[in-house]
Structures are given as structure tokens and as C-alpha cells.
C-alpha atoms as a PDB file:
ATOM      1  CA  MET A   1      99.359 102.532 106.029  1.00  0.00           C
ATOM      2  CA  PRO A   2     102.162 100.137 104.886  1.00  0.00           C
ATOM      3  CA  HIS A   3     102.689 102.346 101.822  1.00  0.00           C
ATOM      4  CA  LEU A   4     103.132 105.419 104.054  1.00  0.00           C
ATOM      5  CA  LEU A   5     105.608 103.567 106.277  1.00  0.00           C
ATOM      6  CA  LEU A   6     107.734 102.529 103.295  1.00  0.00           C
ATOM      7  CA  MET A   7     107.592 106.016 101.806  1.00  0.00           C
ATOM      8  CA  GLU A   8     108.700 107.611 105.073  1.00  0.00           C
ATOM      9  CA  LEU A   9     111.517 105.091 105.474  1.00  0.00           C
ATOM     10  CA  LYS A  10     112.808 105.916 101.986  1.00  0.00           C
ATOM     11  CA  LEU A  11     112.604 109.645 102.709  1.00  0.00           C
ATOM     12  CA  LEU A  12     114.576 109.163 105.926  1.00  0.00           C
ATOM     13  CA  LEU A  13     117.472 107.700 103.977  1.00  0.00           C
ATOM     14  CA  ARG A  14     117.255 110.155 101.079  1.00  0.00           C
ATOM     15  CA  LYS A  15     117.417 113.367 103.109  1.00  0.00           C
ATOM     16  CA  ARG A  16     120.993 114.247 103.965  1.00  0.00           C
ATOM     17  CA  ILE A  17     120.316 115.618 107.440  1.00  0.00           C
ATOM     18  CA  THR A  18     118.331 112.582 108.633  1.00  0.00           C
ATOM     19  CA  ALA A  19     120.490 110.042 106.809  1.00  0.00           C
ATOM     20  CA  PHE A  20     123.590 111.551 108.408  1.00  0.00           C
ATOM     21  CA  SER A  21     122.082 111.248 111.894  1.00  0.00           C
ATOM     22  CA  ILE A  22     120.975 107.666 111.273  1.00  0.00           C
ATOM     23  CA  ILE A  23     124.362 106.565 109.930  1.00  0.00           C
ATOM     24  CA  ALA A  24     126.695 108.716 112.042  1.00  0.00           C
ATOM     25  CA  ALA A  25     125.051 108.107 115.434  1.00  0.00           C
ATOM     26  CA  PRO A  26     125.815 104.345 115.657  1.00  0.00           C
ATOM     27  CA  LEU A  27     129.354 104.921 114.398  1.00  0.00           C
ATOM     28  CA  LEU A  28     129.894 107.605 117.036  1.00  0.00           C
ATOM     29  CA  VAL A  29     128.662 105.566 119.996  1.00  0.00           C
ATOM     30  CA  GLY A  30     130.510 102.510 118.698  1.00  0.00           C
ATOM     31  CA  ALA A  31     133.768 104.474 118.581  1.00  0.00           C
ATOM     32  CA  ILE A  32     133.157 105.839 122.092  1.00  0.00           C
ATOM     33  CA  THR A  33     132.509 102.340 123.417  1.00  0.00           C
ATOM     34  CA  TRP A  34     135.567 100.866 121.717  1.00  0.00           C
ATOM     35  CA  SER A  35     137.874 103.570 123.063  1.00  0.00           C
ATOM     36  CA  SER A  36     136.343 103.571 126.566  1.00  0.00           C
ATOM     37  CA  ARG A  37     135.991  99.857 127.302  1.00  0.00           C
ATOM     38  CA  PRO A  38     136.111  99.602 131.117  1.00  0.00           C
ATOM     39  CA  ALA A  39     138.178  97.050 132.962  1.00  0.00           C
ATOM     40  CA  GLU A  40     135.544  96.492 135.655  1.00  0.00           C
ATOM     41  CA  PRO A  41     132.254  94.782 134.639  1.00  0.00           C
ATOM     42  CA  VAL A  42     130.223  97.144 136.842  1.00  0.00           C
ATOM     43  CA  GLU A  43     131.346 100.165 134.792  1.00  0.00           C
ATOM     44  CA  TRP A  44     129.819  98.770 131.610  1.00  0.00           C
ATOM     45  CA  GLY A  45     126.370  99.737 132.832  1.00  0.00           C
ATOM     46  CA  ARG A  46     127.115 103.448 132.960  1.00  0.00           C
ATOM     47  CA  LEU A  47     128.949 103.369 129.613  1.00  0.00           C
ATOM     48  CA  ILE A  48     126.198 101.486 127.774  1.00  0.00           C
ATOM     49  CA  GLY A  49     123.423 103.535 129.365  1.00  0.00           C
ATOM     50  CA  SER A  50     125.018 106.861 128.452  1.00  0.00           C
ATOM     51  CA  ASN A  51     125.620 105.748 124.869  1.00  0.00           C
ATOM     52  CA  VAL A  52     122.033 104.518 124.511  1.00  0.00           C
ATOM     53  CA  LEU A  53     120.909 107.989 125.615  1.00  0.00           C
ATOM     54  CA  LEU A  54     123.261 109.660 123.141  1.00  0.00           C
ATOM     55  CA  LEU A  55     122.182 107.333 120.326  1.00  0.00           C
ATOM     56  CA  THR A  56     118.516 108.030 121.057  1.00  0.00           C
ATOM     57  CA  LEU A  57     119.073 111.780 121.126  1.00  0.00           C
ATOM     58  CA  LEU A  58     120.751 111.756 117.732  1.00  0.00           C
ATOM     59  CA  SER A  59     118.755 109.132 115.849  1.00  0.00           C
ATOM     60  CA  VAL A  60     115.300 109.425 117.434  1.00  0.00           C
ATOM     61  CA  TYR A  61     114.788 112.823 119.074  1.00  0.00           C
ATOM     62  CA  LEU A  62     116.524 115.012 116.500  1.00  0.00           C
ATOM     63  CA  VAL A  63     115.335 112.926 113.548  1.00  0.00           C
ATOM     64  CA  SER A  64     111.677 112.889 114.680  1.00  0.00           C
ATOM     65  CA  LEU A  65     111.918 116.640 115.294  1.00  0.00           C
ATOM     66  CA  THR A  66     113.303 117.266 111.809  1.00  0.00           C
ATOM     67  CA  VAL A  67     110.976 114.839 110.021  1.00  0.00           C
ATOM     68  CA  PHE A  68     107.774 116.066 111.642  1.00  0.00           C
ATOM     69  CA  THR A  69     108.671 119.726 111.119  1.00  0.00           C
ATOM     70  CA  ALA A  70     109.526 119.079 107.470  1.00  0.00           C
ATOM     71  CA  ARG A  71     106.324 117.131 106.796  1.00  0.00           C
ATOM     72  CA  ARG A  72     104.188 119.852 108.352  1.00  0.00           C
ATOM     73  CA  GLN A  73     105.927 122.773 106.652  1.00  0.00           C
ATOM     74  CA  SER A  74     105.723 121.078 103.237  1.00  0.00           C
ATOM     75  CA  PHE A  75     101.951 120.487 103.663  1.00  0.00           C
ATOM     76  CA  VAL A  76     102.441 116.705 103.653  1.00  0.00           C
ATOM     77  CA  LEU A  77     100.522 116.272 106.907  1.00  0.00           C
ATOM     78  CA  LYS A  78      97.641 118.396 105.636  1.00  0.00           C
ATOM     79  CA  ARG A  79      97.436 116.420 102.387  1.00  0.00           C
ATOM     80  CA  LEU A  80      97.557 113.091 104.196  1.00  0.00           C
ATOM     81  CA  ARG A  81      94.595 114.149 106.339  1.00  0.00           C
ATOM     82  CA  THR A  82      92.441 114.150 103.190  1.00  0.00           C
ATOM     83  CA  SER A  83      93.174 110.449 102.702  1.00  0.00           C
ATOM     84  CA  THR A  84      91.394 107.533 104.348  1.00  0.00           C
ATOM     85  CA  LEU A  85      93.995 107.359 107.129  1.00  0.00           C
ATOM     86  CA  SER A  86      92.944 108.230 110.654  1.00  0.00           C
ATOM     87  CA  ASP A  87      94.972 110.792 112.592  1.00  0.00           C
ATOM     88  CA  ARG A  88      96.544 108.034 114.700  1.00  0.00           C
ATOM     89  CA  ALA A  89      97.478 106.026 111.619  1.00  0.00           C
ATOM     90  CA  LEU A  90      98.984 109.154 110.083  1.00  0.00           C
ATOM     91  CA  PHE A  91     101.154 109.761 113.151  1.00  0.00           C
ATOM     92  CA  ALA A  92     102.182 106.103 113.201  1.00  0.00           C
ATOM     93  CA  GLY A  93     103.034 106.161 109.506  1.00  0.00           C
ATOM     94  CA  VAL A  94     105.234 109.245 109.782  1.00  0.00           C
ATOM     95  CA  LEU A  95     106.955 108.341 113.052  1.00  0.00           C
ATOM     96  CA  GLY A  96     106.963 104.537 112.752  1.00  0.00           C
ATOM     97  CA  PRO A  97     110.147 104.329 110.648  1.00  0.00           C
ATOM     98  CA  VAL A  98     111.970 106.642 113.081  1.00  0.00           C
ATOM     99  CA  VAL A  99     111.007 104.430 116.017  1.00  0.00           C
ATOM    100  CA  VAL A 100     111.876 101.201 114.185  1.00  0.00           C
ATOM    101  CA  VAL A 101     115.249 102.549 113.045  1.00  0.00           C
ATOM    102  CA  GLY A 102     115.991 103.836 116.554  1.00  0.00           C
ATOM    103  CA  LEU A 103     115.187 100.498 118.184  1.00  0.00           C
ATOM    104  CA  GLY A 104     117.128  98.626 115.506  1.00  0.00           C
ATOM    105  CA  GLN A 105     120.181 100.803 116.027  1.00  0.00           C
ATOM    106  CA  THR A 106     120.008 100.285 119.781  1.00  0.00           C
ATOM    107  CA  VAL A 107     119.787  96.506 119.444  1.00  0.00           C
ATOM    108  CA  ALA A 108     122.724  96.543 117.002  1.00  0.00           C
ATOM    109  CA  TYR A 109     124.705  98.683 119.443  1.00  0.00           C
ATOM    110  CA  LEU A 110     124.032  96.300 122.347  1.00  0.00           C
ATOM    111  CA  VAL A 111     125.166  93.358 120.199  1.00  0.00           C
ATOM    112  CA  PHE A 112     128.316  95.326 119.397  1.00  0.00           C
ATOM    113  CA  CYS A 113     128.918  95.830 123.130  1.00  0.00           C
ATOM    114  CA  PHE A 114     128.781  92.069 123.673  1.00  0.00           C
ATOM    115  CA  ALA A 115     131.251  91.611 120.825  1.00  0.00           C
ATOM    116  CA  VAL A 116     133.801  93.951 122.421  1.00  0.00           C
ATOM    117  CA  GLY A 117     133.636  92.425 125.882  1.00  0.00           C
ATOM    118  CA  ALA A 118     130.550  93.685 127.725  1.00  0.00           C
ATOM    119  CA  PRO A 119     129.132  91.282 130.330  1.00  0.00           C
ATOM    120  CA  ALA A 120     125.543  90.062 130.126  1.00  0.00           C
ATOM    121  CA  PRO A 121     123.008  92.373 131.785  1.00  0.00           C
ATOM    122  CA  SER A 122     122.122  91.372 135.336  1.00  0.00           C
ATOM    123  CA  ALA A 123     118.522  92.637 135.012  1.00  0.00           C
ATOM    124  CA  PRO A 124     117.478  92.367 131.326  1.00  0.00           C
ATOM    125  CA  LEU A 125     113.928  93.587 131.972  1.00  0.00           C
ATOM    126  CA  LEU A 126     115.255  96.897 133.304  1.00  0.00           C
ATOM    127  CA  VAL A 127     117.388  97.263 130.189  1.00  0.00           C
ATOM    128  CA  VAL A 128     114.420  96.578 127.898  1.00  0.00           C
ATOM    129  CA  ALA A 129     112.235  99.004 129.868  1.00  0.00           C
ATOM    130  CA  GLY A 130     114.928 101.678 129.708  1.00  0.00           C
ATOM    131  CA  VAL A 131     115.423 101.321 125.948  1.00  0.00           C
ATOM    132  CA  VAL A 132     111.683 101.333 125.169  1.00  0.00           C
ATOM    133  CA  LEU A 133     111.013 104.328 127.430  1.00  0.00           C
ATOM    134  CA  CYS A 134     114.001 106.201 126.015  1.00  0.00           C
ATOM    135  CA  VAL A 135     112.738 105.805 122.445  1.00  0.00           C
ATOM    136  CA  ALA A 136     109.128 106.589 123.397  1.00  0.00           C
ATOM    137  CA  VAL A 137     109.996 109.742 125.335  1.00  0.00           C
ATOM    138  CA  ALA A 138     112.473 110.905 122.680  1.00  0.00           C
ATOM    139  CA  THR A 139     109.836 110.515 119.952  1.00  0.00           C
ATOM    140  CA  ALA A 140     107.210 112.387 121.968  1.00  0.00           C
ATOM    141  CA  LEU A 141     109.649 115.188 122.771  1.00  0.00           C
ATOM    142  CA  GLY A 142     110.647 115.351 119.104  1.00  0.00           C
ATOM    143  CA  VAL A 143     107.030 115.927 118.020  1.00  0.00           C
ATOM    144  CA  ALA A 144     106.478 118.409 120.865  1.00  0.00           C
ATOM    145  CA  THR A 145     109.535 120.407 119.842  1.00  0.00           C
ATOM    146  CA  ALA A 146     108.412 120.283 116.209  1.00  0.00           C
ATOM    147  CA  CYS A 147     105.166 121.944 117.315  1.00  0.00           C
ATOM    148  CA  LEU A 148     107.272 124.920 118.454  1.00  0.00           C
ATOM    149  CA  SER A 149     109.549 125.010 115.385  1.00  0.00           C
ATOM    150  CA  ARG A 150     108.733 127.338 112.485  1.00  0.00           C
ATOM    151  CA  SER A 151     111.042 125.627 109.980  1.00  0.00           C
ATOM    152  CA  VAL A 152     113.514 122.790 109.576  1.00  0.00           C
ATOM    153  CA  GLU A 153     116.335 125.314 109.917  1.00  0.00           C
ATOM    154  CA  ALA A 154     114.883 126.479 113.237  1.00  0.00           C
ATOM    155  CA  THR A 155     115.069 122.956 114.683  1.00  0.00           C
ATOM    156  CA  GLN A 156     118.796 123.453 115.201  1.00  0.00           C
ATOM    157  CA  VAL A 157     117.833 126.041 117.826  1.00  0.00           C
ATOM    158  CA  THR A 158     114.590 124.605 119.191  1.00  0.00           C
ATOM    159  CA  GLY A 159     116.139 121.178 119.687  1.00  0.00           C
ATOM    160  CA  ALA A 160     119.088 122.517 121.691  1.00  0.00           C
ATOM    161  CA  PRO A 161     117.379 122.890 125.114  1.00  0.00           C
ATOM    162  CA  VAL A 162     116.263 119.250 125.328  1.00  0.00           C
ATOM    163  CA  THR A 163     119.622 118.029 124.013  1.00  0.00           C
ATOM    164  CA  MET A 164     121.608 120.110 126.490  1.00  0.00           C
ATOM    165  CA  ALA A 165     119.293 119.204 129.372  1.00  0.00           C
ATOM    166  CA  ALA A 166     119.672 115.475 128.639  1.00  0.00           C
ATOM    167  CA  VAL A 167     123.463 115.668 128.379  1.00  0.00           C
ATOM    168  CA  GLY A 168     123.656 117.904 131.454  1.00  0.00           C
ATOM    169  CA  GLY A 169     121.474 115.512 133.431  1.00  0.00           C
ATOM    170  CA  LEU A 170     123.688 112.622 132.380  1.00  0.00           C
ATOM    171  CA  VAL A 171     126.734 114.449 133.757  1.00  0.00           C
ATOM    172  CA  MET A 172     124.889 115.276 136.995  1.00  0.00           C
ATOM    173  CA  THR A 173     124.138 111.618 137.751  1.00  0.00           C
ATOM    174  CA  GLY A 174     127.783 111.128 138.600  1.00  0.00           C
ATOM    175  CA  SER A 175     127.800 113.997 141.116  1.00  0.00           C
ATOM    176  CA  SER A 176     125.991 115.181 144.233  1.00  0.00           C
ATOM    177  CA  LEU A 177     123.277 116.543 141.908  1.00  0.00           C
ATOM    178  CA  ALA A 178     122.197 113.047 140.851  1.00  0.00           C
ATOM    179  CA  GLY A 179     118.632 113.648 142.027  1.00  0.00           C
ATOM    180  CA  VAL A 180     118.330 116.714 139.813  1.00  0.00           C
ATOM    181  CA  GLY A 181     119.981 114.949 136.891  1.00  0.00           C
ATOM    182  CA  LEU A 182     117.593 112.004 136.974  1.00  0.00           C
ATOM    183  CA  ALA A 183     114.655 114.405 136.671  1.00  0.00           C
ATOM    184  CA  LEU A 184     115.877 115.785 133.328  1.00  0.00           C
ATOM    185  CA  PRO A 185     114.785 114.479 129.882  1.00  0.00           C
ATOM    186  CA  LEU A 186     115.792 110.880 129.010  1.00  0.00           C
ATOM    187  CA  VAL A 187     118.054 110.511 132.054  1.00  0.00           C
ATOM    188  CA  GLY A 188     115.571 108.299 133.906  1.00  0.00           C
ATOM    189  CA  PRO A 189     115.551 105.711 131.078  1.00  0.00           C
ATOM    190  CA  TYR A 190     119.359 105.966 130.914  1.00  0.00           C
ATOM    191  CA  ASP A 191     119.572 105.011 134.581  1.00  0.00           C
ATOM    192  CA  LEU A 192     117.279 102.030 134.011  1.00  0.00           C
ATOM    193  CA  VAL A 193     119.600 100.748 131.270  1.00  0.00           C
ATOM    194  CA  ALA A 194     122.710 101.391 133.358  1.00  0.00           C
ATOM    195  CA  ARG A 195     121.239  99.820 136.483  1.00  0.00           C
ATOM    196  CA  GLY A 196     119.869  96.847 134.572  1.00  0.00           C
ATOM    197  CA  TRP A 197     123.222  96.145 132.987  1.00  0.00           C
ATOM    198  CA  ALA A 198     125.238  96.365 136.188  1.00  0.00           C
ATOM    199  CA  ALA A 199     123.370  95.531 139.400  1.00  0.00           C
ATOM    200  CA  GLY A 200     126.280  96.853 141.434  1.00  0.00           C
ATOM    201  CA  LEU A 201     125.992 100.344 139.942  1.00  0.00           C
ATOM    202  CA  VAL A 202     125.276 102.843 142.713  1.00  0.00           C
ATOM    203  CA  LEU A 203     124.191 106.421 142.112  1.00  0.00           C
ATOM    204  CA  ASP A 204     123.462 109.077 144.707  1.00  0.00           C
ATOM    205  CA  VAL A 205     119.725 108.491 144.221  1.00  0.00           C
ATOM    206  CA  PRO A 206     119.420 104.723 143.628  1.00  0.00           C
ATOM    207  CA  VAL A 207     115.649 104.715 143.160  1.00  0.00           C
ATOM    208  CA  VAL A 208     114.241 102.909 140.127  1.00  0.00           C
ATOM    209  CA  PRO A 209     110.727 104.358 140.717  1.00  0.00           C
ATOM    210  CA  LEU A 210     112.248 107.815 140.289  1.00  0.00           C
ATOM    211  CA  ASP A 211     113.576 106.756 136.887  1.00  0.00           C
ATOM    212  CA  LEU A 212     110.112 105.608 135.848  1.00  0.00           C
ATOM    213  CA  ALA A 213     108.508 108.771 137.229  1.00  0.00           C
ATOM    214  CA  SER A 214     110.981 110.899 135.278  1.00  0.00           C
ATOM    215  CA  ALA A 215     110.098 109.114 132.024  1.00  0.00           C
ATOM    216  CA  VAL A 216     106.358 109.470 132.688  1.00  0.00           C
ATOM    217  CA  LEU A 217     106.815 113.155 133.567  1.00  0.00           C
ATOM    218  CA  TRP A 218     108.537 114.035 130.302  1.00  0.00           C
ATOM    219  CA  PHE A 219     106.161 111.928 128.230  1.00  0.00           C
ATOM    220  CA  THR A 220     103.299 113.833 129.874  1.00  0.00           C
ATOM    221  CA  VAL A 221     104.965 117.203 129.314  1.00  0.00           C
ATOM    222  CA  ALA A 222     105.420 116.347 125.637  1.00  0.00           C
ATOM    223  CA  GLY A 223     101.787 115.276 125.407  1.00  0.00           C
ATOM    224  CA  VAL A 224     100.567 118.555 126.908  1.00  0.00           C
ATOM    225  CA  VAL A 225     102.681 120.595 124.479  1.00  0.00           C
ATOM    226  CA  ILE A 226     101.429 118.548 121.515  1.00  0.00           C
ATOM    227  CA  SER A 227      97.788 118.879 122.555  1.00  0.00           C
ATOM    228  CA  ARG A 228      98.079 122.663 122.858  1.00  0.00           C
ATOM    229  CA  ALA A 229     100.517 123.640 120.110  1.00  0.00           C
ATOM    230  CA  PHE A 230     100.083 121.006 117.389  1.00  0.00           C
ATOM    231  CA  ARG A 231      99.106 122.218 113.919  1.00  0.00           C
ATOM    232  CA  TRP A 232      98.503 120.311 110.700  1.00  0.00           C
ATOM    233  CA  GLU A 233      99.488 123.320 108.601  1.00  0.00           C
ATOM    234  CA  PRO A 234     102.806 125.222 108.482  1.00  0.00           C
ATOM    235  CA  ARG A 235     103.495 127.624 111.324  1.00  0.00           C
ATOM    236  CA  ALA A 236     103.510 131.265 110.262  1.00  0.00           C
END
């Protein structure tokens, strides 16, 4: 198990497409934060929450989608099943580095926000819950999308719907369609982070239970897709 984790971590950094996402994503959200630093403390919540969502999309969702598709199509998953590892340990070994890197990047980004003037979060537990749920849902959706992807090249197309839905939902939260936006992928966890960072943040649908329900919904949807479409061997 530890050997598989280390091997996967090395592969993440060696492959250009995943290494680019891992390195470029924090730089992108850092630049956005630096150039968009709000004057009012309450606005930091929305800025940090939206950048956590963007960071998770780029460094967790798209990377887990690419990694899992690549490992399946290259018969790595099938070969690993002949080892002494259980199926759960195999999943953890392949996806563990993605999750660890994603959480590490998010923590580094939040520290950066403090360094450039962000106030302390008013509800830290909501922030932690939002970050953890964002990474968990993004990973599950990445594997689910990989189940529907025939090749690594195809992930550029298969990953687009979730990416566009998440970004579209983020935009909707600032409009009269906030209720619809919060129901889209990863937007519920975003709202938890935003609301936890700035207690005065008010959206059109200020309901934390709805955020949690949205995260559970998409985690469940991903689980259903995985249970029905998952294959250990390459898709034809």
C-alpha cells in the first residue's frame, strides 16, 4: 500500500498533463486572489470559496479523472488486482495522492489568503466541512467520469459537463437563480466555505442544510455511476 501511494505520487508529478494542473492551479487562484482582494471583510468569503472550488476542479476533479482513466486504459488497475491488495486499498492507493495533494494545495491557498489580508473565518468548522466535502465529491465525480471515458484524450470532452455545471452554478449563486446554482456539482461545498469565512454573507437561498444535501446528492450520483459503469479493463 505505501509503495503504491509513493509510486502514484511520483507518476502525478512526472506526467505533463497532471503536473501542469497541480502546479498551475494554485498559481492561478493565487493570482486571482491577489488581483481581486476585496476592501470589505465580508466579501472575502465569496472570493475564497469560489477559488477553492476552482482549485478543486483543476487539481482534484480533472486530475483524478485523468489518472484513473490512464491507469485503467494502460491495464495498471487490472494488474494491481492480481496483487495482495484489496479493491478498496487499490482505490485508496491510486486516488490517495490526488486527495492529499488537493488538500495540501487548499491549505496552502488559505494560508496565502491570510498573508494577503484575509480576515479569520467566523465559522471555521463550516470552512473545514466545505473543503473536505469539495475534495471528496470532486474525487468521486472524477472516478465516475473516468468510467464513461474511453481514453485520456476523451477526458477533455467527458470532463467538460461537470466543469461547466460547477462554474455555471457558481455564477448563479450571485443571482436570482441561487437555489438552482447551489444544487449543481461542488457549489454546495463552495457555499459552506464562503459562509464559514464570512458570517455576514447572504445569498438568495441562505440554507446550510441545502449545501450539505447538494454535496450528498452529487456524491451519491457519482457512486451510482461508478457501481454501474466501472470496469477494471480498458473500455472498448
